[in-house]
Amino acid sequence: PESVSFGSAYPNPFNPSTKIDFELPYDSEVIIEVFDINGKKIETLLDAVFDAGYHAAVWRADRYSSGIYFIKMDVSSDKGIDYNGVQKLMLIK
């Protein structure tokens, strides 16, 4: 990949899990967190260093109620690449 990409979660709306694809041009630290509609962090999906390339995270939301949630991705690397992105998700049970 030539740049950081935060792919759209699929499926969305979802039940009970959704997949989030992301791309990294360099080895980078990636943090992906889930927030509820009130902005409270409810889960950290990833907090690790990933090699350059194509990756995915899966959010299994079995224990959460239907509603709107937000997925936030923060990326930082030694190459000066910084990225912040947010997506809105809808869990329907």
C-alpha atoms as a PDB file:
ATOM      1  CA  PRO A   1       0.000   0.000   0.000  1.00  0.00           C
ATOM      2  CA  GLU A   2       1.094   3.561  -0.685  1.00  0.00           C
ATOM      3  CA  SER A   3      -0.820   5.159   2.197  1.00  0.00           C
ATOM      4  CA  VAL A   4      -2.712   4.305   5.361  1.00  0.00           C
ATOM      5  CA  SER A   5      -6.254   3.173   4.609  1.00  0.00           C
ATOM      6  CA  PHE A   6      -9.091   2.502   7.048  1.00  0.00           C
ATOM      7  CA  GLY A   7     -11.602   0.435   5.061  1.00  0.00           C
ATOM      8  CA  SER A   8     -15.317   0.550   5.713  1.00  0.00           C
ATOM      9  CA  ALA A   9     -16.540  -2.028   8.192  1.00  0.00           C
ATOM     10  CA  TYR A  10     -18.395  -4.863   6.499  1.00  0.00           C
ATOM     11  CA  PRO A  11     -21.168  -5.698   7.000  1.00  0.00           C
ATOM     12  CA  ASN A  12     -22.664  -2.532   8.418  1.00  0.00           C
ATOM     13  CA  PRO A  13     -25.341  -2.717   9.868  1.00  0.00           C
ATOM     14  CA  PHE A  14     -24.187  -5.987  11.411  1.00  0.00           C
ATOM     15  CA  ASN A  15     -25.091  -8.807  13.802  1.00  0.00           C
ATOM     16  CA  PRO A  16     -23.107 -10.124  15.652  1.00  0.00           C
ATOM     17  CA  SER A  17     -19.703  -9.337  14.061  1.00  0.00           C
ATOM     18  CA  THR A  18     -18.138  -6.997  11.536  1.00  0.00           C
ATOM     19  CA  LYS A  19     -14.737  -6.891   9.836  1.00  0.00           C
ATOM     20  CA  ILE A  20     -12.575  -3.785   9.550  1.00  0.00           C
ATOM     21  CA  ASP A  21      -9.826  -3.821   6.907  1.00  0.00           C
ATOM     22  CA  PHE A  22      -6.804  -1.529   7.064  1.00  0.00           C
ATOM     23  CA  GLU A  23      -3.630  -0.980   5.052  1.00  0.00           C
ATOM     24  CA  LEU A  24      -0.225   0.224   6.222  1.00  0.00           C
ATOM     25  CA  PRO A  25       2.621   1.486   3.985  1.00  0.00           C
ATOM     26  CA  TYR A  26       5.188   1.045   6.808  1.00  0.00           C
ATOM     27  CA  ASP A  27       5.482  -0.950  10.002  1.00  0.00           C
ATOM     28  CA  SER A  28       3.204   0.975  12.362  1.00  0.00           C
ATOM     29  CA  GLU A  29       1.590   0.948  15.770  1.00  0.00           C
ATOM     30  CA  VAL A  30      -2.162   0.528  15.374  1.00  0.00           C
ATOM     31  CA  ILE A  31      -4.822   1.122  18.002  1.00  0.00           C
ATOM     32  CA  ILE A  32      -8.432   0.318  17.160  1.00  0.00           C
ATOM     33  CA  GLU A  33     -11.037   1.103  19.819  1.00  0.00           C
ATOM     34  CA  VAL A  34     -14.824   0.876  20.046  1.00  0.00           C
ATOM     35  CA  PHE A  35     -16.933   3.648  21.609  1.00  0.00           C
ATOM     36  CA  ASP A  36     -20.628   3.734  22.443  1.00  0.00           C
ATOM     37  CA  ILE A  37     -23.000   6.526  21.394  1.00  0.00           C
ATOM     38  CA  ASN A  38     -22.072   8.486  24.556  1.00  0.00           C
ATOM     39  CA  GLY A  39     -18.368   8.450  23.681  1.00  0.00           C
ATOM     40  CA  LYS A  40     -17.413   5.898  26.340  1.00  0.00           C
ATOM     41  CA  LYS A  41     -14.692   3.466  25.268  1.00  0.00           C
ATOM     42  CA  ILE A  42     -16.138  -0.029  25.598  1.00  0.00           C
ATOM     43  CA  GLU A  43     -13.457  -2.175  23.977  1.00  0.00           C
ATOM     44  CA  THR A  44      -9.948  -2.108  22.503  1.00  0.00           C
ATOM     45  CA  LEU A  45      -9.802  -4.375  19.447  1.00  0.00           C
ATOM     46  CA  LEU A  46      -6.119  -3.888  18.620  1.00  0.00           C
ATOM     47  CA  ASP A  47      -3.122  -2.252  20.257  1.00  0.00           C
ATOM     48  CA  ALA A  48      -0.007  -3.604  18.573  1.00  0.00           C
ATOM     49  CA  VAL A  49       2.702  -3.026  15.983  1.00  0.00           C
ATOM     50  CA  PHE A  50       1.870  -4.387  12.531  1.00  0.00           C
ATOM     51  CA  ASP A  51       4.086  -4.978   9.508  1.00  0.00           C
ATOM     52  CA  ALA A  52       3.449  -3.003   6.352  1.00  0.00           C
ATOM     53  CA  GLY A  53       0.666  -4.584   4.310  1.00  0.00           C
ATOM     54  CA  TYR A  54      -3.006  -5.517   4.445  1.00  0.00           C
ATOM     55  CA  HIS A  55      -4.655  -6.425   7.745  1.00  0.00           C
ATOM     56  CA  ALA A  56      -8.093  -6.849   9.298  1.00  0.00           C
ATOM     57  CA  ALA A  57      -9.740  -6.701  12.698  1.00  0.00           C
ATOM     58  CA  VAL A  58     -13.029  -8.337  13.652  1.00  0.00           C
ATOM     59  CA  TRP A  59     -15.375  -6.931  16.261  1.00  0.00           C
ATOM     60  CA  ARG A  60     -17.607  -9.559  17.837  1.00  0.00           C
ATOM     61  CA  ALA A  61     -20.380  -7.619  19.540  1.00  0.00           C
ATOM     62  CA  ASP A  62     -22.396 -10.522  21.004  1.00  0.00           C
ATOM     63  CA  ARG A  63     -22.468  -9.000  24.490  1.00  0.00           C
ATOM     64  CA  TYR A  64     -23.530  -5.509  23.429  1.00  0.00           C
ATOM     65  CA  SER A  65     -27.039  -4.217  22.812  1.00  0.00           C
ATOM     66  CA  SER A  66     -28.387  -2.893  19.520  1.00  0.00           C
ATOM     67  CA  GLY A  67     -27.382   0.650  18.741  1.00  0.00           C
ATOM     68  CA  ILE A  68     -24.870   3.021  17.207  1.00  0.00           C
ATOM     69  CA  TYR A  69     -21.162   2.541  17.908  1.00  0.00           C
ATOM     70  CA  PHE A  70     -17.979   4.199  16.691  1.00  0.00           C
ATOM     71  CA  ILE A  71     -14.717   2.540  15.687  1.00  0.00           C
ATOM     72  CA  LYS A  72     -11.605   4.715  16.010  1.00  0.00           C
ATOM     73  CA  MET A  73      -8.249   3.843  14.439  1.00  0.00           C
ATOM     74  CA  ASP A  74      -4.995   5.601  15.383  1.00  0.00           C
ATOM     75  CA  VAL A  75      -1.803   4.818  13.466  1.00  0.00           C
ATOM     76  CA  SER A  76       1.738   6.025  14.116  1.00  0.00           C
ATOM     77  CA  SER A  77       5.071   4.927  12.666  1.00  0.00           C
ATOM     78  CA  ASP A  78       8.753   5.790  12.839  1.00  0.00           C
ATOM     79  CA  LYS A  79       8.438   7.114   9.261  1.00  0.00           C
ATOM     80  CA  GLY A  80       6.294  10.014  10.454  1.00  0.00           C
ATOM     81  CA  ILE A  81       3.028   8.490   9.274  1.00  0.00           C
ATOM     82  CA  ASP A  82       0.193   9.503  11.594  1.00  0.00           C
ATOM     83  CA  TYR A  83      -3.442   8.741  10.900  1.00  0.00           C
ATOM     84  CA  ASN A  84      -6.681   9.052  12.845  1.00  0.00           C
ATOM     85  CA  GLY A  85     -10.009   7.801  11.517  1.00  0.00           C
ATOM     86  CA  VAL A  86     -13.503   7.164  12.870  1.00  0.00           C
ATOM     87  CA  GLN A  87     -16.399   5.122  11.487  1.00  0.00           C
ATOM     88  CA  LYS A  88     -20.006   4.816  12.613  1.00  0.00           C
ATOM     89  CA  LEU A  89     -21.402   1.290  12.968  1.00  0.00           C
ATOM     90  CA  MET A  90     -24.902   0.021  13.641  1.00  0.00           C
ATOM     91  CA  LEU A  91     -25.453  -3.170  15.605  1.00  0.00           C
ATOM     92  CA  ILE A  92     -28.908  -4.671  15.011  1.00  0.00           C
ATOM     93  CA  LYS A  93     -30.036  -7.691  17.015  1.00  0.00           C
END
